[in-house]
Amino acid sequence: DIRHEPSKKDVENYKKLVKLGFNPLIVATKADKVSRGLLDKHISIIKKTMGTLPDTPVIPFSAVTKDGRDEIWEYMNYFMEEIKLA
């Protein structure tokens, strides 16, 4: 939920995935509940709290407005192609 700082469990799970060699995608839900002008601020808080790697994407998403849906699909499709090439 983009409106709140990541929980301790969120941070632990992220760090475990990174330790295993993954670069997880962070989907920040309920983006429609935050004004567009504050999205970058909330994304910054998520990145700082989680201690993300520089290339970890954080995509704001709204199930109501579908904002962010295309970006998530693009990210997933990109990595599916990478798996096919490997």
C-alpha atoms as a PDB file:
ATOM      1  CA  ASP A   1       0.000   0.000   0.000  1.00  0.00           C
ATOM      2  CA  ILE A   2       1.751   3.133  -1.283  1.00  0.00           C
ATOM      3  CA  ARG A   3       0.197   5.202   1.512  1.00  0.00           C
ATOM      4  CA  HIS A   4       2.226   3.433   4.211  1.00  0.00           C
ATOM      5  CA  GLU A   5       5.875   2.685   4.839  1.00  0.00           C
ATOM      6  CA  PRO A   6       6.818  -0.905   4.042  1.00  0.00           C
ATOM      7  CA  SER A   7       6.459  -3.269   6.987  1.00  0.00           C
ATOM      8  CA  LYS A   8       9.370  -5.031   8.618  1.00  0.00           C
ATOM      9  CA  LYS A   9       8.223  -8.215   6.847  1.00  0.00           C
ATOM     10  CA  ASP A  10       8.199  -6.401   3.467  1.00  0.00           C
ATOM     11  CA  VAL A  11      11.802  -5.344   4.034  1.00  0.00           C
ATOM     12  CA  GLU A  12      12.842  -8.849   5.139  1.00  0.00           C
ATOM     13  CA  ASN A  13      11.219 -10.456   2.076  1.00  0.00           C
ATOM     14  CA  TYR A  14      12.850  -7.973  -0.290  1.00  0.00           C
ATOM     15  CA  LYS A  15      16.287  -8.573   1.242  1.00  0.00           C
ATOM     16  CA  LYS A  16      15.823 -12.369   1.047  1.00  0.00           C
ATOM     17  CA  LEU A  17      14.954 -12.170  -2.649  1.00  0.00           C
ATOM     18  CA  VAL A  18      17.965  -9.953  -3.373  1.00  0.00           C
ATOM     19  CA  LYS A  19      20.221 -12.319  -1.419  1.00  0.00           C
ATOM     20  CA  LEU A  20      18.959 -15.172  -3.612  1.00  0.00           C
ATOM     21  CA  GLY A  21      20.011 -13.195  -6.697  1.00  0.00           C
ATOM     22  CA  PHE A  22      16.660 -11.778  -7.751  1.00  0.00           C
ATOM     23  CA  ASN A  23      15.875  -8.164  -8.591  1.00  0.00           C
ATOM     24  CA  PRO A  24      12.254  -7.992  -7.473  1.00  0.00           C
ATOM     25  CA  LEU A  25       9.641  -5.663  -8.872  1.00  0.00           C
ATOM     26  CA  ILE A  26       7.875  -3.696  -6.161  1.00  0.00           C
ATOM     27  CA  VAL A  27       4.238  -2.964  -6.947  1.00  0.00           C
ATOM     28  CA  ALA A  28       2.959  -0.136  -4.760  1.00  0.00           C
ATOM     29  CA  THR A  29      -0.794  -0.667  -4.627  1.00  0.00           C
ATOM     30  CA  LYS A  30      -3.622   1.798  -4.019  1.00  0.00           C
ATOM     31  CA  ALA A  31      -1.915   4.515  -6.053  1.00  0.00           C
ATOM     32  CA  ASP A  32      -5.325   6.102  -6.694  1.00  0.00           C
ATOM     33  CA  LYS A  33      -5.446   7.037  -2.987  1.00  0.00           C
ATOM     34  CA  VAL A  34      -2.416   9.340  -3.326  1.00  0.00           C
ATOM     35  CA  SER A  35      -2.346  12.530  -5.379  1.00  0.00           C
ATOM     36  CA  ARG A  36      -0.153  12.366  -8.487  1.00  0.00           C
ATOM     37  CA  GLY A  37       1.997  15.129  -7.052  1.00  0.00           C
ATOM     38  CA  LEU A  38       2.901  12.958  -4.068  1.00  0.00           C
ATOM     39  CA  LEU A  39       3.576   9.660  -5.875  1.00  0.00           C
ATOM     40  CA  ASP A  40       7.309  10.322  -6.246  1.00  0.00           C
ATOM     41  CA  LYS A  41       7.565  11.194  -2.549  1.00  0.00           C
ATOM     42  CA  HIS A  42       5.862   7.944  -1.534  1.00  0.00           C
ATOM     43  CA  ILE A  43       7.997   5.899  -3.939  1.00  0.00           C
ATOM     44  CA  SER A  44      11.099   7.508  -2.452  1.00  0.00           C
ATOM     45  CA  ILE A  45       9.951   6.538   1.056  1.00  0.00           C
ATOM     46  CA  ILE A  46       9.404   2.939  -0.086  1.00  0.00           C
ATOM     47  CA  LYS A  47      12.867   2.764  -1.675  1.00  0.00           C
ATOM     48  CA  LYS A  48      14.574   4.313   1.341  1.00  0.00           C
ATOM     49  CA  THR A  49      12.759   2.142   3.892  1.00  0.00           C
ATOM     50  CA  MET A  50      13.440  -1.043   1.944  1.00  0.00           C
ATOM     51  CA  GLY A  51      17.014  -0.105   1.070  1.00  0.00           C
ATOM     52  CA  THR A  52      16.405  -1.021  -2.556  1.00  0.00           C
ATOM     53  CA  LEU A  53      19.133  -1.521  -5.100  1.00  0.00           C
ATOM     54  CA  PRO A  54      19.405   1.358  -7.602  1.00  0.00           C
ATOM     55  CA  ASP A  55      17.819  -0.687 -10.401  1.00  0.00           C
ATOM     56  CA  THR A  56      14.876  -2.061  -8.389  1.00  0.00           C
ATOM     57  CA  PRO A  57      11.684  -0.791 -10.021  1.00  0.00           C
ATOM     58  CA  VAL A  58       8.817   0.508  -7.900  1.00  0.00           C
ATOM     59  CA  ILE A  59       5.630   0.786  -9.930  1.00  0.00           C
ATOM     60  CA  PRO A  60       2.595   2.549  -8.472  1.00  0.00           C
ATOM     61  CA  PHE A  61      -0.558   0.569  -9.281  1.00  0.00           C
ATOM     62  CA  SER A  62      -4.280   1.110  -8.897  1.00  0.00           C
ATOM     63  CA  ALA A  63      -6.796  -1.703  -9.286  1.00  0.00           C
ATOM     64  CA  VAL A  64      -9.487   0.975  -9.546  1.00  0.00           C
ATOM     65  CA  THR A  65      -8.031   3.100 -12.354  1.00  0.00           C
ATOM     66  CA  LYS A  66      -5.661   0.446 -13.770  1.00  0.00           C
ATOM     67  CA  ASP A  67      -2.783   2.954 -13.640  1.00  0.00           C
ATOM     68  CA  GLY A  68       0.507   1.059 -13.677  1.00  0.00           C
ATOM     69  CA  ARG A  69      -0.973  -2.087 -15.229  1.00  0.00           C
ATOM     70  CA  ASP A  70       0.769  -1.648 -18.579  1.00  0.00           C
ATOM     71  CA  GLU A  71       4.128  -0.974 -16.915  1.00  0.00           C
ATOM     72  CA  ILE A  72       3.819  -4.148 -14.835  1.00  0.00           C
ATOM     73  CA  TRP A  73       2.976  -6.220 -17.932  1.00  0.00           C
ATOM     74  CA  GLU A  74       5.909  -4.682 -19.829  1.00  0.00           C
ATOM     75  CA  TYR A  75       8.264  -5.587 -17.011  1.00  0.00           C
ATOM     76  CA  MET A  76       6.951  -9.143 -16.825  1.00  0.00           C
ATOM     77  CA  ASN A  77       7.080  -9.619 -20.599  1.00  0.00           C
ATOM     78  CA  TYR A  78      10.648  -8.340 -20.733  1.00  0.00           C
ATOM     79  CA  PHE A  79      11.775 -10.921 -18.200  1.00  0.00           C
ATOM     80  CA  MET A  80       9.826 -13.707 -19.839  1.00  0.00           C
ATOM     81  CA  GLU A  81      11.756 -12.949 -23.047  1.00  0.00           C
ATOM     82  CA  GLU A  82      15.015 -12.967 -21.090  1.00  0.00           C
ATOM     83  CA  ILE A  83      14.190 -16.418 -19.719  1.00  0.00           C
ATOM     84  CA  LYS A  84      13.461 -17.693 -23.239  1.00  0.00           C
ATOM     85  CA  LEU A  85      16.847 -16.427 -24.432  1.00  0.00           C
ATOM     86  CA  ALA A  86      18.749 -18.061 -21.597  1.00  0.00           C
END
